[in-house]
Amino acid sequence: MGFVPYDIKGRGDADDYGKEVIINGIKIKSGDLVFGDINGVVIIPSELIDDVITHAIEKVTKESNAKRELRRGKSARDVWNKYRVF
């Protein structure tokens, strides 16, 4: 699982693989999940991946249900009281 940064060919060299690294005080080890986009990067330690994914799915489900109820005309206050998400 993962990607190879082919676009850096000739501009960067790997000196190790699968080794723990520390960036700005954050320890990243093999097996950790790394997500990054234009807004930043998040590191999920391997031992927390299942819990984080479970909570993320629960939140997305609540958000989807809240949106559906708002579109059907429920008040924002009622939706907030029920789901506590927006």
C-alpha atoms as a PDB file:
ATOM      1  CA  MET A   1       0.000   0.000   0.000  1.00  0.00           C
ATOM      2  CA  GLY A   2       1.351   3.426  -0.859  1.00  0.00           C
ATOM      3  CA  PHE A   3       2.735   5.524  -3.659  1.00  0.00           C
ATOM      4  CA  VAL A   4       6.168   6.064  -5.086  1.00  0.00           C
ATOM      5  CA  PRO A   5       7.128   9.682  -5.724  1.00  0.00           C
ATOM      6  CA  TYR A   6       8.298   9.203  -9.324  1.00  0.00           C
ATOM      7  CA  ASP A   7       8.010  12.943  -9.929  1.00  0.00           C
ATOM      8  CA  ILE A   8      11.074  13.616  -7.752  1.00  0.00           C
ATOM      9  CA  LYS A   9      13.380  11.413  -9.836  1.00  0.00           C
ATOM     10  CA  GLY A  10      16.747  13.107  -9.999  1.00  0.00           C
ATOM     11  CA  ARG A  11      15.781  15.609  -7.270  1.00  0.00           C
ATOM     12  CA  GLY A  12      15.653  13.375  -4.212  1.00  0.00           C
ATOM     13  CA  ASP A  13      17.181  10.213  -2.848  1.00  0.00           C
ATOM     14  CA  ALA A  14      15.772   7.732  -0.339  1.00  0.00           C
ATOM     15  CA  ASP A  15      18.287   6.690   2.284  1.00  0.00           C
ATOM     16  CA  ASP A  16      16.022   4.272   4.158  1.00  0.00           C
ATOM     17  CA  TYR A  17      12.623   2.598   4.046  1.00  0.00           C
ATOM     18  CA  GLY A  18      10.160   1.634   6.793  1.00  0.00           C
ATOM     19  CA  LYS A  19      12.162   3.451   9.450  1.00  0.00           C
ATOM     20  CA  GLU A  20      10.597   5.576  12.193  1.00  0.00           C
ATOM     21  CA  VAL A  21      10.959   9.313  11.625  1.00  0.00           C
ATOM     22  CA  ILE A  22      10.254  12.368  13.731  1.00  0.00           C
ATOM     23  CA  ILE A  23       9.051  15.545  12.016  1.00  0.00           C
ATOM     24  CA  ASN A  24       8.459  18.635  14.166  1.00  0.00           C
ATOM     25  CA  GLY A  25       8.287  16.413  17.234  1.00  0.00           C
ATOM     26  CA  ILE A  26       5.721  14.047  15.688  1.00  0.00           C
ATOM     27  CA  LYS A  27       6.804  10.416  15.575  1.00  0.00           C
ATOM     28  CA  ILE A  28       5.779   8.560  12.418  1.00  0.00           C
ATOM     29  CA  LYS A  29       6.387   4.826  12.209  1.00  0.00           C
ATOM     30  CA  SER A  30       5.833   2.137   9.655  1.00  0.00           C
ATOM     31  CA  GLY A  31       2.156   1.178   9.621  1.00  0.00           C
ATOM     32  CA  ASP A  32       0.870   4.621  10.610  1.00  0.00           C
ATOM     33  CA  LEU A  33      -1.693   6.167   8.295  1.00  0.00           C
ATOM     34  CA  VAL A  34      -0.710   9.489   6.720  1.00  0.00           C
ATOM     35  CA  PHE A  35      -3.302  11.740   5.078  1.00  0.00           C
ATOM     36  CA  GLY A  36      -2.377  15.005   3.464  1.00  0.00           C
ATOM     37  CA  ASP A  37      -4.053  17.627   1.328  1.00  0.00           C
ATOM     38  CA  ILE A  38      -3.819  21.340   0.643  1.00  0.00           C
ATOM     39  CA  ASN A  39      -4.977  22.058   4.217  1.00  0.00           C
ATOM     40  CA  GLY A  40      -2.353  19.993   6.007  1.00  0.00           C
ATOM     41  CA  VAL A  41      -1.312  16.544   7.128  1.00  0.00           C
ATOM     42  CA  VAL A  42      -2.651  14.188   9.788  1.00  0.00           C
ATOM     43  CA  ILE A  43      -0.863  11.146  11.136  1.00  0.00           C
ATOM     44  CA  ILE A  44      -2.959   8.333  12.619  1.00  0.00           C
ATOM     45  CA  PRO A  45      -0.910   5.921  14.737  1.00  0.00           C
ATOM     46  CA  SER A  46      -1.368   2.323  13.593  1.00  0.00           C
ATOM     47  CA  GLU A  47      -2.854   1.283  16.945  1.00  0.00           C
ATOM     48  CA  LEU A  48      -5.658   3.888  16.573  1.00  0.00           C
ATOM     49  CA  ILE A  49      -6.599   3.342  12.918  1.00  0.00           C
ATOM     50  CA  ASP A  50      -9.653   1.146  13.597  1.00  0.00           C
ATOM     51  CA  ASP A  51     -11.067   3.538  16.229  1.00  0.00           C
ATOM     52  CA  VAL A  52     -10.444   6.632  14.079  1.00  0.00           C
ATOM     53  CA  ILE A  53     -12.110   5.073  11.028  1.00  0.00           C
ATOM     54  CA  THR A  54     -15.080   3.921  13.130  1.00  0.00           C
ATOM     55  CA  HIS A  55     -15.562   7.430  14.569  1.00  0.00           C
ATOM     56  CA  ALA A  56     -15.122   9.045  11.153  1.00  0.00           C
ATOM     57  CA  ILE A  57     -17.818   6.810   9.635  1.00  0.00           C
ATOM     58  CA  GLU A  58     -20.149   7.606  12.550  1.00  0.00           C
ATOM     59  CA  LYS A  59     -19.602  11.344  12.053  1.00  0.00           C
ATOM     60  CA  VAL A  60     -20.144  11.208   8.296  1.00  0.00           C
ATOM     61  CA  THR A  61     -23.330   9.191   8.843  1.00  0.00           C
ATOM     62  CA  LYS A  62     -24.651  11.761  11.338  1.00  0.00           C
ATOM     63  CA  GLU A  63     -23.743  14.622   8.982  1.00  0.00           C
ATOM     64  CA  SER A  64     -25.517  12.922   6.063  1.00  0.00           C
ATOM     65  CA  ASN A  65     -28.637  12.306   8.151  1.00  0.00           C
ATOM     66  CA  ALA A  66     -28.585  15.896   9.423  1.00  0.00           C
ATOM     67  CA  LYS A  67     -28.308  17.270   5.866  1.00  0.00           C
ATOM     68  CA  ARG A  68     -31.181  15.079   4.718  1.00  0.00           C
ATOM     69  CA  GLU A  69     -33.416  16.299   7.559  1.00  0.00           C
ATOM     70  CA  LEU A  70     -32.474  19.953   6.938  1.00  0.00           C
ATOM     71  CA  ARG A  71     -33.359  19.546   3.251  1.00  0.00           C
ATOM     72  CA  ARG A  72     -36.726  18.111   4.277  1.00  0.00           C
ATOM     73  CA  GLY A  73     -37.456  21.237   6.287  1.00  0.00           C
ATOM     74  CA  LYS A  74     -36.533  20.355   9.853  1.00  0.00           C
ATOM     75  CA  SER A  75     -35.287  23.282  11.896  1.00  0.00           C
ATOM     76  CA  ALA A  76     -31.566  23.704  12.492  1.00  0.00           C
ATOM     77  CA  ARG A  77     -32.200  23.613  16.239  1.00  0.00           C
ATOM     78  CA  ASP A  78     -34.038  20.269  16.032  1.00  0.00           C
ATOM     79  CA  VAL A  79     -31.333  18.790  13.818  1.00  0.00           C
ATOM     80  CA  TRP A  80     -28.587  20.053  16.136  1.00  0.00           C
ATOM     81  CA  ASN A  81     -30.335  18.663  19.212  1.00  0.00           C
ATOM     82  CA  LYS A  82     -30.680  15.276  17.531  1.00  0.00           C
ATOM     83  CA  TYR A  83     -27.254  14.883  15.875  1.00  0.00           C
ATOM     84  CA  ARG A  84     -24.962  17.549  17.389  1.00  0.00           C
ATOM     85  CA  VAL A  85     -23.287  18.029  13.995  1.00  0.00           C
ATOM     86  CA  PHE A  86     -23.507  20.451  11.097  1.00  0.00           C
END
